């Protein structure tokens, strides 16, 4: 299967921001993994095509100083580039795994990114609304998106790794 409509559910589905997470993880000094999360998630799944955005200002690592630095021109430059955007271009089934080819836009730079995951299920919630869950994960090289700030370490190496893991856990509600 390679057509979007044969892999992901058809129809129109709205991403439920209160039950959807967009997270990232990056190594700090090669020692610890710093994790962050974006709020302000918006998106839709329309006839098998997933599109979503997050508010760059909403990205948090639960450290106000670091979060302010992430919003600055050193990283996301949230004033000039307020949204990060992801759009699927192709979705295939590879055994039990979804392979989603996407265009990811960060800081005004769009690059192809492959995400892998699965449809976690479909069902009806207690209020009679049909829902679908989709989990996707992948990695990007942050420098390819213009996120190049770093600091050298006294013993060699750099403060931040360029490899950033991203994870999406999406809950979408079918439109009436």
C-alpha atoms as a PDB file:
ATOM      1  CA  UNK A   1       0.000   0.000   0.000  1.00  0.00           C
ATOM      2  CA  UNK A   2       1.412   3.386  -0.860  1.00  0.00           C
ATOM      3  CA  UNK A   3      -1.521   5.751  -1.292  1.00  0.00           C
ATOM      4  CA  UNK A   4      -2.279   7.934   1.694  1.00  0.00           C
ATOM      5  CA  UNK A   5      -5.974   7.099   1.661  1.00  0.00           C
ATOM      6  CA  UNK A   6      -5.347   3.348   1.937  1.00  0.00           C
ATOM      7  CA  UNK A   7      -3.085   3.566   4.985  1.00  0.00           C
ATOM      8  CA  UNK A   8      -4.496   6.330   7.193  1.00  0.00           C
ATOM      9  CA  UNK A   9      -8.222   6.769   7.857  1.00  0.00           C
ATOM     10  CA  UNK A  10     -10.219   8.665   5.257  1.00  0.00           C
ATOM     11  CA  UNK A  11     -12.590  11.515   5.947  1.00  0.00           C
ATOM     12  CA  UNK A  12     -11.853  14.611   7.955  1.00  0.00           C
ATOM     13  CA  UNK A  13     -10.377  14.331  11.429  1.00  0.00           C
ATOM     14  CA  UNK A  14      -9.323  17.177  13.735  1.00  0.00           C
ATOM     15  CA  UNK A  15      -6.262  16.784  15.937  1.00  0.00           C
ATOM     16  CA  UNK A  16      -7.300  17.004  19.594  1.00  0.00           C
ATOM     17  CA  UNK A  17      -4.660  19.279  21.162  1.00  0.00           C
ATOM     18  CA  UNK A  18      -5.436  18.223  24.727  1.00  0.00           C
ATOM     19  CA  UNK A  19      -4.736  14.561  23.908  1.00  0.00           C
ATOM     20  CA  UNK A  20      -1.875  15.016  21.431  1.00  0.00           C
ATOM     21  CA  UNK A  21       1.795  15.381  22.294  1.00  0.00           C
ATOM     22  CA  UNK A  22       4.703  16.671  20.233  1.00  0.00           C
ATOM     23  CA  UNK A  23       7.986  15.993  21.997  1.00  0.00           C
ATOM     24  CA  UNK A  24      11.717  16.140  21.322  1.00  0.00           C
ATOM     25  CA  UNK A  25      14.879  14.875  22.996  1.00  0.00           C
ATOM     26  CA  UNK A  26      18.509  15.956  22.571  1.00  0.00           C
ATOM     27  CA  UNK A  27      21.733  14.961  24.336  1.00  0.00           C
ATOM     28  CA  UNK A  28      23.320  17.633  26.541  1.00  0.00           C
ATOM     29  CA  UNK A  29      27.113  17.308  26.920  1.00  0.00           C
ATOM     30  CA  UNK A  30      26.722  13.708  25.753  1.00  0.00           C
ATOM     31  CA  UNK A  31      25.602  12.908  29.294  1.00  0.00           C
ATOM     32  CA  UNK A  32      21.923  13.621  29.811  1.00  0.00           C
ATOM     33  CA  UNK A  33      18.926  13.682  27.525  1.00  0.00           C
ATOM     34  CA  UNK A  34      16.979  16.935  27.671  1.00  0.00           C
ATOM     35  CA  UNK A  35      13.343  16.550  26.688  1.00  0.00           C
ATOM     36  CA  UNK A  36      10.857  19.147  25.605  1.00  0.00           C
ATOM     37  CA  UNK A  37       7.258  19.407  24.564  1.00  0.00           C
ATOM     38  CA  UNK A  38       5.254  21.744  22.374  1.00  0.00           C
ATOM     39  CA  UNK A  39       1.813  22.958  23.344  1.00  0.00           C
ATOM     40  CA  UNK A  40      -0.343  24.934  20.955  1.00  0.00           C
ATOM     41  CA  UNK A  41      -0.760  21.904  18.650  1.00  0.00           C
ATOM     42  CA  UNK A  42      -3.167  22.302  15.727  1.00  0.00           C
ATOM     43  CA  UNK A  43      -3.796  19.920  12.890  1.00  0.00           C
ATOM     44  CA  UNK A  44      -6.011  17.759  10.778  1.00  0.00           C
ATOM     45  CA  UNK A  45      -6.072  14.432   9.027  1.00  0.00           C
ATOM     46  CA  UNK A  46      -7.962  14.871   5.760  1.00  0.00           C
ATOM     47  CA  UNK A  47      -8.381  11.841   3.501  1.00  0.00           C
ATOM     48  CA  UNK A  48      -5.183  10.281   4.779  1.00  0.00           C
ATOM     49  CA  UNK A  49      -3.035  13.429   4.680  1.00  0.00           C
ATOM     50  CA  UNK A  50      -1.789  14.626   8.058  1.00  0.00           C
ATOM     51  CA  UNK A  51      -0.968  18.310   8.546  1.00  0.00           C
ATOM     52  CA  UNK A  52      -0.055  19.937  11.812  1.00  0.00           C
ATOM     53  CA  UNK A  53       1.549  22.965  13.390  1.00  0.00           C
ATOM     54  CA  UNK A  54       2.885  23.917  16.790  1.00  0.00           C
ATOM     55  CA  UNK A  55       3.448  27.327  18.288  1.00  0.00           C
ATOM     56  CA  UNK A  56       7.215  27.912  18.634  1.00  0.00           C
ATOM     57  CA  UNK A  57       6.657  30.032  21.768  1.00  0.00           C
ATOM     58  CA  UNK A  58       4.876  27.094  23.428  1.00  0.00           C
ATOM     59  CA  UNK A  59       7.925  24.818  23.362  1.00  0.00           C
ATOM     60  CA  UNK A  60       8.956  24.025  26.906  1.00  0.00           C
ATOM     61  CA  UNK A  61      11.681  22.055  28.640  1.00  0.00           C
ATOM     62  CA  UNK A  62      10.331  23.192  32.017  1.00  0.00           C
ATOM     63  CA  UNK A  63      13.282  25.536  32.504  1.00  0.00           C
ATOM     64  CA  UNK A  64      12.285  29.184  31.884  1.00  0.00           C
ATOM     65  CA  UNK A  65      15.797  30.364  30.980  1.00  0.00           C
ATOM     66  CA  UNK A  66      16.371  27.507  28.522  1.00  0.00           C
ATOM     67  CA  UNK A  67      12.860  27.958  27.072  1.00  0.00           C
ATOM     68  CA  UNK A  68      13.540  31.666  26.466  1.00  0.00           C
ATOM     69  CA  UNK A  69      16.805  30.723  24.746  1.00  0.00           C
ATOM     70  CA  UNK A  70      14.953  28.209  22.534  1.00  0.00           C
ATOM     71  CA  UNK A  71      12.497  30.946  21.456  1.00  0.00           C
ATOM     72  CA  UNK A  72      15.374  33.324  20.639  1.00  0.00           C
ATOM     73  CA  UNK A  73      17.068  33.755  17.227  1.00  0.00           C
ATOM     74  CA  UNK A  74      19.754  31.267  18.395  1.00  0.00           C
ATOM     75  CA  UNK A  75      17.184  28.491  17.977  1.00  0.00           C
ATOM     76  CA  UNK A  76      13.556  28.774  16.784  1.00  0.00           C
ATOM     77  CA  UNK A  77      13.480  32.563  16.348  1.00  0.00           C
ATOM     78  CA  UNK A  78       9.829  32.452  17.407  1.00  0.00           C
ATOM     79  CA  UNK A  79       9.234  36.142  16.718  1.00  0.00           C
ATOM     80  CA  UNK A  80      10.071  35.760  13.013  1.00  0.00           C
ATOM     81  CA  UNK A  81       9.040  32.081  12.679  1.00  0.00           C
ATOM     82  CA  UNK A  82       6.122  31.563  15.072  1.00  0.00           C
ATOM     83  CA  UNK A  83       5.038  28.113  13.767  1.00  0.00           C
ATOM     84  CA  UNK A  84       6.689  24.751  13.143  1.00  0.00           C
ATOM     85  CA  UNK A  85       4.828  22.742  10.493  1.00  0.00           C
ATOM     86  CA  UNK A  86       4.644  19.084   9.446  1.00  0.00           C
ATOM     87  CA  UNK A  87       2.830  17.725   6.363  1.00  0.00           C
ATOM     88  CA  UNK A  88       2.790  14.123   5.194  1.00  0.00           C
ATOM     89  CA  UNK A  89       3.702  13.639   1.546  1.00  0.00           C
ATOM     90  CA  UNK A  90       3.402   9.851   1.486  1.00  0.00           C
ATOM     91  CA  UNK A  91       2.463   7.140   3.965  1.00  0.00           C
ATOM     92  CA  UNK A  92       3.183   3.469   3.433  1.00  0.00           C
ATOM     93  CA  UNK A  93       2.592   0.343   5.440  1.00  0.00           C
ATOM     94  CA  UNK A  94       5.752  -1.697   6.113  1.00  0.00           C
ATOM     95  CA  UNK A  95       4.493  -4.800   7.911  1.00  0.00           C
ATOM     96  CA  UNK A  96       2.889  -3.514  11.113  1.00  0.00           C
ATOM     97  CA  UNK A  97       4.710  -0.179  10.867  1.00  0.00           C
ATOM     98  CA  UNK A  98       3.662   3.064   9.211  1.00  0.00           C
ATOM     99  CA  UNK A  99       6.348   4.874   7.253  1.00  0.00           C
ATOM    100  CA  UNK A 100       5.403   8.544   6.933  1.00  0.00           C
ATOM    101  CA  UNK A 101       7.394  10.740   4.609  1.00  0.00           C
ATOM    102  CA  UNK A 102       6.859  14.311   5.663  1.00  0.00           C
ATOM    103  CA  UNK A 103       7.926  17.850   4.994  1.00  0.00           C
ATOM    104  CA  UNK A 104       8.983  19.474   8.263  1.00  0.00           C
ATOM    105  CA  UNK A 105       9.384  23.245   8.467  1.00  0.00           C
ATOM    106  CA  UNK A 106      11.387  24.782  11.302  1.00  0.00           C
ATOM    107  CA  UNK A 107      12.678  28.348  11.341  1.00  0.00           C
ATOM    108  CA  UNK A 108      11.538  28.838   7.737  1.00  0.00           C
ATOM    109  CA  UNK A 109      13.495  25.818   6.453  1.00  0.00           C
ATOM    110  CA  UNK A 110      11.588  22.860   5.006  1.00  0.00           C
ATOM    111  CA  UNK A 111      13.243  19.446   4.789  1.00  0.00           C
ATOM    112  CA  UNK A 112      11.969  15.915   4.167  1.00  0.00           C
ATOM    113  CA  UNK A 113      11.816  13.784   7.306  1.00  0.00           C
ATOM    114  CA  UNK A 114      10.851  10.137   7.617  1.00  0.00           C
ATOM    115  CA  UNK A 115       8.817   9.148  10.659  1.00  0.00           C
ATOM    116  CA  UNK A 116       7.884   5.614  11.641  1.00  0.00           C
ATOM    117  CA  UNK A 117       5.150   4.357  13.891  1.00  0.00           C
ATOM    118  CA  UNK A 118       1.704   2.884  13.893  1.00  0.00           C
ATOM    119  CA  UNK A 119      -1.989   3.509  14.168  1.00  0.00           C
ATOM    120  CA  UNK A 120      -2.554   2.811  17.849  1.00  0.00           C
ATOM    121  CA  UNK A 121      -6.277   2.248  17.466  1.00  0.00           C
ATOM    122  CA  UNK A 122      -9.685   3.585  16.589  1.00  0.00           C
ATOM    123  CA  UNK A 123     -12.723   3.810  18.810  1.00  0.00           C
ATOM    124  CA  UNK A 124     -15.697   5.778  20.043  1.00  0.00           C
ATOM    125  CA  UNK A 125     -15.221   7.972  23.125  1.00  0.00           C
ATOM    126  CA  UNK A 126     -17.825   8.306  25.930  1.00  0.00           C
ATOM    127  CA  UNK A 127     -19.395  11.275  24.111  1.00  0.00           C
ATOM    128  CA  UNK A 128     -20.023   9.333  20.912  1.00  0.00           C
ATOM    129  CA  UNK A 129     -17.145  10.784  18.893  1.00  0.00           C
ATOM    130  CA  UNK A 130     -15.000   8.525  16.731  1.00  0.00           C
ATOM    131  CA  UNK A 131     -11.262   8.813  17.441  1.00  0.00           C
ATOM    132  CA  UNK A 132      -8.048   7.502  15.963  1.00  0.00           C
ATOM    133  CA  UNK A 133      -4.608   7.376  17.546  1.00  0.00           C
ATOM    134  CA  UNK A 134      -1.324   7.576  15.627  1.00  0.00           C
ATOM    135  CA  UNK A 135       2.205   7.413  17.073  1.00  0.00           C
ATOM    136  CA  UNK A 136       5.173   8.496  14.932  1.00  0.00           C
ATOM    137  CA  UNK A 137       8.876   8.888  15.761  1.00  0.00           C
ATOM    138  CA  UNK A 138      12.020   9.894  13.959  1.00  0.00           C
ATOM    139  CA  UNK A 139      15.162  11.979  14.112  1.00  0.00           C
ATOM    140  CA  UNK A 140      16.416  15.152  12.526  1.00  0.00           C
ATOM    141  CA  UNK A 141      19.752  16.891  12.287  1.00  0.00           C
ATOM    142  CA  UNK A 142      18.909  20.247  13.847  1.00  0.00           C
ATOM    143  CA  UNK A 143      21.689  22.011  11.938  1.00  0.00           C
ATOM    144  CA  UNK A 144      19.854  21.274   8.660  1.00  0.00           C
ATOM    145  CA  UNK A 145      17.058  23.546   9.916  1.00  0.00           C
ATOM    146  CA  UNK A 146      19.328  26.430  10.872  1.00  0.00           C
ATOM    147  CA  UNK A 147      19.417  25.474  14.555  1.00  0.00           C
ATOM    148  CA  UNK A 148      23.186  25.738  14.751  1.00  0.00           C
ATOM    149  CA  UNK A 149      23.858  27.410  18.103  1.00  0.00           C
ATOM    150  CA  UNK A 150      26.266  25.422  20.235  1.00  0.00           C
ATOM    151  CA  UNK A 151      29.052  25.897  22.755  1.00  0.00           C
ATOM    152  CA  UNK A 152      32.413  24.080  22.836  1.00  0.00           C
ATOM    153  CA  UNK A 153      33.225  22.021  25.913  1.00  0.00           C
ATOM    154  CA  UNK A 154      36.617  22.500  27.648  1.00  0.00           C
ATOM    155  CA  UNK A 155      37.548  18.848  27.108  1.00  0.00           C
ATOM    156  CA  UNK A 156      36.428  18.792  23.487  1.00  0.00           C
ATOM    157  CA  UNK A 157      33.103  18.257  21.851  1.00  0.00           C
ATOM    158  CA  UNK A 158      30.037  20.447  22.096  1.00  0.00           C
ATOM    159  CA  UNK A 159      27.285  21.206  24.569  1.00  0.00           C
ATOM    160  CA  UNK A 160      24.462  19.944  22.313  1.00  0.00           C
ATOM    161  CA  UNK A 161      24.190  17.033  19.922  1.00  0.00           C
ATOM    162  CA  UNK A 162      22.917  17.788  16.411  1.00  0.00           C
ATOM    163  CA  UNK A 163      20.724  14.657  16.447  1.00  0.00           C
ATOM    164  CA  UNK A 164      17.262  15.405  17.829  1.00  0.00           C
ATOM    165  CA  UNK A 165      14.655  12.684  18.359  1.00  0.00           C
ATOM    166  CA  UNK A 166      11.049  13.722  17.738  1.00  0.00           C
ATOM    167  CA  UNK A 167       7.905  11.878  18.799  1.00  0.00           C
ATOM    168  CA  UNK A 168       4.276  12.559  17.960  1.00  0.00           C
ATOM    169  CA  UNK A 169       1.361  10.911  19.718  1.00  0.00           C
ATOM    170  CA  UNK A 170      -1.764  12.078  17.911  1.00  0.00           C
ATOM    171  CA  UNK A 171      -5.393  11.751  18.901  1.00  0.00           C
ATOM    172  CA  UNK A 172      -7.809  12.909  16.210  1.00  0.00           C
ATOM    173  CA  UNK A 173     -11.591  13.221  16.262  1.00  0.00           C
ATOM    174  CA  UNK A 174     -13.684  12.513  13.157  1.00  0.00           C
ATOM    175  CA  UNK A 175     -15.706  15.488  11.945  1.00  0.00           C
ATOM    176  CA  UNK A 176     -19.464  15.028  12.037  1.00  0.00           C
END
